[in-house]
C-alpha atoms as a PDB file:
ATOM      1  CA  MET A   1      -0.007  -0.023  -0.002  1.00  0.00           C
ATOM      2  CA  ASN A   2       1.662   3.191  -1.127  1.00  0.00           C
ATOM      3  CA  ASN A   3      -0.888   5.988  -0.940  1.00  0.00           C
ATOM      4  CA  THR A   4       1.234   8.573   0.827  1.00  0.00           C
ATOM      5  CA  VAL A   5      -0.038  12.098   1.160  1.00  0.00           C
ATOM      6  CA  GLU A   6       2.039  15.121   2.162  1.00  0.00           C
ATOM      7  CA  ARG A   7       0.723  18.194   3.969  1.00  0.00           C
ATOM      8  CA  ILE A   8       2.209  21.189   5.755  1.00  0.00           C
ATOM      9  CA  LEU A   9       1.212  21.970   9.337  1.00  0.00           C
ATOM     10  CA  PRO A  10       2.146  25.664   9.367  1.00  0.00           C
ATOM     11  CA  ASP A  11       2.373  26.142  13.130  1.00  0.00           C
ATOM     12  CA  PRO A  12       1.970  24.348  16.487  1.00  0.00           C
ATOM     13  CA  ASP A  13      -1.759  25.059  16.558  1.00  0.00           C
ATOM     14  CA  ALA A  14      -2.174  23.238  13.242  1.00  0.00           C
ATOM     15  CA  THR A  15      -0.239  20.241  14.622  1.00  0.00           C
ATOM     16  CA  ASP A  16      -2.467  20.220  17.685  1.00  0.00           C
ATOM     17  CA  ALA A  17      -5.622  20.471  15.602  1.00  0.00           C
ATOM     18  CA  PHE A  18      -4.494  17.625  13.325  1.00  0.00           C
ATOM     19  CA  GLY A  19      -3.729  15.361  16.302  1.00  0.00           C
ATOM     20  CA  ARG A  20      -7.117  16.085  17.893  1.00  0.00           C
ATOM     21  CA  ARG A  21      -8.918  15.458  14.613  1.00  0.00           C
ATOM     22  CA  LEU A  22      -7.104  12.192  14.132  1.00  0.00           C
ATOM     23  CA  ALA A  23      -8.261  11.116  17.627  1.00  0.00           C
ATOM     24  CA  THR A  24     -11.880  11.503  16.621  1.00  0.00           C
ATOM     25  CA  LEU A  25     -11.389   9.128  13.653  1.00  0.00           C
ATOM     26  CA  ILE A  26      -9.873   6.136  15.481  1.00  0.00           C
ATOM     27  CA  PRO A  27     -12.169   3.164  15.040  1.00  0.00           C
ATOM     28  CA  GLU A  28     -13.354   0.905  17.849  1.00  0.00           C
ATOM     29  CA  LYS A  29     -10.918  -1.697  16.580  1.00  0.00           C
ATOM     30  CA  GLY A  30      -8.099   0.666  17.634  1.00  0.00           C
ATOM     31  CA  LEU A  31      -5.226   2.019  15.616  1.00  0.00           C
ATOM     32  CA  SER A  32      -1.454   1.545  15.603  1.00  0.00           C
ATOM     33  CA  VAL A  33       0.441   4.654  14.568  1.00  0.00           C
ATOM     34  CA  ALA A  34       4.173   5.081  14.003  1.00  0.00           C
ATOM     35  CA  LEU A  35       5.508   8.620  14.528  1.00  0.00           C
ATOM     36  CA  SER A  36       8.730   9.061  12.609  1.00  0.00           C
ATOM     37  CA  GLY A  37      11.027  12.042  12.160  1.00  0.00           C
ATOM     38  CA  PRO A  38      14.111  13.829  13.489  1.00  0.00           C
ATOM     39  CA  LEU A  39      14.515  15.256  16.974  1.00  0.00           C
ATOM     40  CA  GLY A  40      12.244  18.241  17.514  1.00  0.00           C
ATOM     41  CA  ALA A  41       9.995  17.512  14.524  1.00  0.00           C
ATOM     42  CA  GLY A  42       6.870  17.267  16.674  1.00  0.00           C
ATOM     43  CA  LYS A  43       6.337  13.568  17.298  1.00  0.00           C
ATOM     44  CA  SER A  44       5.578  14.035  21.007  1.00  0.00           C
ATOM     45  CA  SER A  45       3.480  17.134  20.346  1.00  0.00           C
ATOM     46  CA  LEU A  46       1.301  15.295  17.835  1.00  0.00           C
ATOM     47  CA  ALA A  47       0.964  12.289  20.155  1.00  0.00           C
ATOM     48  CA  ARG A  48       0.034  14.535  23.040  1.00  0.00           C
ATOM     49  CA  ALA A  49      -2.643  16.248  20.938  1.00  0.00           C
ATOM     50  CA  LEU A  50      -4.074  12.931  19.849  1.00  0.00           C
ATOM     51  CA  LEU A  51      -4.192  11.643  23.438  1.00  0.00           C
ATOM     52  CA  ARG A  52      -5.910  14.843  24.503  1.00  0.00           C
ATOM     53  CA  GLY A  53      -8.385  14.343  21.674  1.00  0.00           C
ATOM     54  CA  LEU A  54      -9.110  10.884  23.032  1.00  0.00           C
ATOM     55  CA  GLY A  55      -9.954  12.465  26.357  1.00  0.00           C
ATOM     56  CA  VAL A  56      -6.751  12.170  28.384  1.00  0.00           C
ATOM     57  CA  THR A  57      -6.650  14.795  31.114  1.00  0.00           C
ATOM     58  CA  GLY A  58      -3.805  15.625  33.402  1.00  0.00           C
ATOM     59  CA  PRO A  59      -0.143  15.340  32.529  1.00  0.00           C
ATOM     60  CA  VAL A  60       0.832  13.716  29.229  1.00  0.00           C
ATOM     61  CA  PRO A  61       4.600  13.259  29.640  1.00  0.00           C
ATOM     62  CA  SER A  62       6.950  12.250  26.902  1.00  0.00           C
ATOM     63  CA  PRO A  63       7.832   8.546  27.315  1.00  0.00           C
ATOM     64  CA  THR A  64      11.519   9.228  26.568  1.00  0.00           C
ATOM     65  CA  TYR A  65      12.699   7.753  29.844  1.00  0.00           C
ATOM     66  CA  THR A  66       9.770   5.547  30.866  1.00  0.00           C
ATOM     67  CA  LEU A  67       9.619   4.086  27.306  1.00  0.00           C
ATOM     68  CA  VAL A  68       5.869   3.512  27.533  1.00  0.00           C
ATOM     69  CA  GLU A  69       3.097   5.655  29.051  1.00  0.00           C
ATOM     70  CA  PRO A  70      -0.240   3.807  29.414  1.00  0.00           C
ATOM     71  CA  TYR A  71      -3.642   5.516  29.523  1.00  0.00           C
ATOM     72  CA  VAL A  72      -7.197   4.376  29.980  1.00  0.00           C
ATOM     73  CA  VAL A  73      -9.732   6.783  28.541  1.00  0.00           C
ATOM     74  CA  HIS A  74     -13.482   6.075  28.511  1.00  0.00           C
ATOM     75  CA  GLY A  75     -12.719   2.355  28.929  1.00  0.00           C
ATOM     76  CA  ARG A  76     -10.216   2.333  26.022  1.00  0.00           C
ATOM     77  CA  GLU A  77      -6.531   1.611  26.405  1.00  0.00           C
ATOM     78  CA  ALA A  78      -3.944   3.848  24.805  1.00  0.00           C
ATOM     79  CA  TYR A  79      -0.167   3.532  24.842  1.00  0.00           C
ATOM     80  CA  HIS A  80       2.410   6.145  23.965  1.00  0.00           C
ATOM     81  CA  ALA A  81       5.864   4.609  23.422  1.00  0.00           C
ATOM     82  CA  ASP A  82       9.270   6.035  22.596  1.00  0.00           C
ATOM     83  CA  LEU A  83      11.755   3.481  21.255  1.00  0.00           C
ATOM     84  CA  TYR A  84      14.684   5.933  20.976  1.00  0.00           C
ATOM     85  CA  ARG A  85      16.486   4.488  24.005  1.00  0.00           C
ATOM     86  CA  LEU A  86      16.135   0.804  23.001  1.00  0.00           C
ATOM     87  CA  GLY A  87      19.571  -0.831  22.922  1.00  0.00           C
ATOM     88  CA  GLU A  88      18.783  -4.246  21.618  1.00  0.00           C
ATOM     89  CA  PRO A  89      15.890  -5.594  19.530  1.00  0.00           C
ATOM     90  CA  ASP A  90      14.950  -8.020  22.358  1.00  0.00           C
ATOM     91  CA  GLU A  91      14.192  -5.107  24.632  1.00  0.00           C
ATOM     92  CA  LEU A  92      11.005  -4.535  22.688  1.00  0.00           C
ATOM     93  CA  ASP A  93       9.638  -7.782  24.112  1.00  0.00           C
ATOM     94  CA  MET A  94       9.934  -6.407  27.649  1.00  0.00           C
ATOM     95  CA  LEU A  95       7.681  -3.448  26.741  1.00  0.00           C
ATOM     96  CA  GLY A  96       4.736  -5.684  25.771  1.00  0.00           C
ATOM     97  CA  LEU A  97       3.879  -3.582  22.701  1.00  0.00           C
ATOM     98  CA  VAL A  98       3.659  -6.499  20.324  1.00  0.00           C
ATOM     99  CA  GLU A  99       0.892  -8.088  22.415  1.00  0.00           C
ATOM    100  CA  ILE A 100      -1.370  -5.010  22.729  1.00  0.00           C
ATOM    101  CA  ALA A 101      -4.954  -6.102  22.299  1.00  0.00           C
ATOM    102  CA  ASP A 102      -7.399  -5.031  19.603  1.00  0.00           C
ATOM    103  CA  GLY A 103      -9.297  -1.908  20.518  1.00  0.00           C
ATOM    104  CA  ALA A 104      -6.224  -0.167  21.940  1.00  0.00           C
ATOM    105  CA  VAL A 105      -4.517   2.882  20.483  1.00  0.00           C
ATOM    106  CA  LEU A 106      -0.753   2.552  20.074  1.00  0.00           C
ATOM    107  CA  LEU A 107       1.446   5.542  19.308  1.00  0.00           C
ATOM    108  CA  VAL A 108       5.121   4.741  18.774  1.00  0.00           C
ATOM    109  CA  GLU A 109       7.867   7.312  18.348  1.00  0.00           C
ATOM    110  CA  TRP A 110      11.116   6.238  16.727  1.00  0.00           C
ATOM    111  CA  PRO A 111       9.582   3.101  15.150  1.00  0.00           C
ATOM    112  CA  GLU A 112      12.745   2.567  13.121  1.00  0.00           C
ATOM    113  CA  ARG A 113      14.388   1.388  16.388  1.00  0.00           C
ATOM    114  CA  ASP A 114      12.291  -1.766  16.059  1.00  0.00           C
ATOM    115  CA  THR A 115      15.011  -3.310  13.933  1.00  0.00           C
ATOM    116  CA  GLY A 116      13.336  -6.692  14.078  1.00  0.00           C
ATOM    117  CA  HIS A 117      10.188  -5.183  12.508  1.00  0.00           C
ATOM    118  CA  ARG A 118       7.949  -6.847  15.067  1.00  0.00           C
ATOM    119  CA  LEU A 119       5.454  -4.014  15.397  1.00  0.00           C
ATOM    120  CA  ARG A 120       2.775  -3.659  12.724  1.00  0.00           C
ATOM    121  CA  PHE A 121       1.344  -0.225  12.059  1.00  0.00           C
ATOM    122  CA  ASP A 122      -1.863   0.884  10.413  1.00  0.00           C
ATOM    123  CA  LEU A 123      -0.423   4.312   9.688  1.00  0.00           C
ATOM    124  CA  THR A 124       2.961   6.027   9.749  1.00  0.00           C
ATOM    125  CA  LEU A 125       3.136   9.752  10.257  1.00  0.00           C
ATOM    126  CA  HIS A 126       6.488  11.140   9.015  1.00  0.00           C
ATOM    127  CA  LEU A 127       7.131  14.562  10.536  1.00  0.00           C
ATOM    128  CA  SER A 128       9.838  16.975   9.468  1.00  0.00           C
ATOM    129  CA  HIS A 129      10.898  20.557  10.123  1.00  0.00           C
ATOM    130  CA  HIS A 130       9.330  23.027   7.666  1.00  0.00           C
ATOM    131  CA  ASP A 131       9.827  26.767   8.138  1.00  0.00           C
ATOM    132  CA  ASN A 132       8.021  27.573  11.430  1.00  0.00           C
ATOM    133  CA  GLY A 133       5.774  24.526  11.122  1.00  0.00           C
ATOM    134  CA  ARG A 134       6.069  20.873  10.235  1.00  0.00           C
ATOM    135  CA  GLY A 135       5.956  18.763   7.140  1.00  0.00           C
ATOM    136  CA  LEU A 136       3.695  15.750   7.482  1.00  0.00           C
ATOM    137  CA  ILE A 137       3.597  12.673   5.256  1.00  0.00           C
ATOM    138  CA  LEU A 138       0.834  10.202   5.951  1.00  0.00           C
ATOM    139  CA  GLU A 139       1.666   6.685   4.914  1.00  0.00           C
ATOM    140  CA  PRO A 140      -1.083   4.119   5.407  1.00  0.00           C
ATOM    141  CA  HIS A 141      -0.157   0.409   5.684  1.00  0.00           C
ATOM    142  CA  THR A 142      -3.617  -1.118   6.084  1.00  0.00           C
ATOM    143  CA  PRO A 143      -7.089  -0.337   4.731  1.00  0.00           C
ATOM    144  CA  GLN A 144      -7.969   0.921   8.226  1.00  0.00           C
ATOM    145  CA  GLY A 145      -4.953   3.252   8.210  1.00  0.00           C
ATOM    146  CA  GLU A 146      -5.869   4.540   4.769  1.00  0.00           C
ATOM    147  CA  ALA A 147      -9.460   5.263   5.815  1.00  0.00           C
ATOM    148  CA  VAL A 148      -8.260   7.195   8.865  1.00  0.00           C
ATOM    149  CA  ALA A 149      -5.669   9.108   6.848  1.00  0.00           C
ATOM    150  CA  ARG A 150      -8.250  10.110   4.188  1.00  0.00           C
ATOM    151  CA  ALA A 151     -10.773  11.160   6.791  1.00  0.00           C
ATOM    152  CA  ALA A 152      -8.142  13.142   8.739  1.00  0.00           C
ATOM    153  CA  LEU A 153      -7.389  15.101   5.549  1.00  0.00           C
ATOM    154  CA  GLY A 154     -11.064  15.597   4.727  1.00  0.00           C
ATOM    155  CA  GLU A 155     -10.923  13.276   1.692  1.00  0.00           C
ATOM    156  CA  THR A 156     -13.448  10.683   0.692  1.00  0.00           C
ATOM    157  CA  ALA A 157     -12.715   7.232  -0.684  1.00  0.00           C
END
């Protein structure tokens, strides 16, 4: 599946709005999202906005040091993971991300650190620096990811 779409998020407010919109489109089955891009490109900001859009209240820390931050919102599980600090591919097993049940939302920063390619994603969001905002490439990997990406961009099938 190679239906990538590129957009510009001109400022932090646009990034926040996109993340909150994406949250409203996540199906009951859940969604697995990879957040890729260089340091400071907005991966954590987008994840934070999406989690807020799901209904998370209170602190939404970056999982840089904890590796995984779990949330339960309206009876739904959500996990925000940061794989940057993984040293060995086997460390992924200790995080329990591969076994996350259907219905959960999984947001993974630095997915390229999963060198064993054990995680499967519905959608990859590639973020980059762009003037004062961010470049965003949406790359769906499943029909579900494609439907969410199209809806997030206001497109129809």
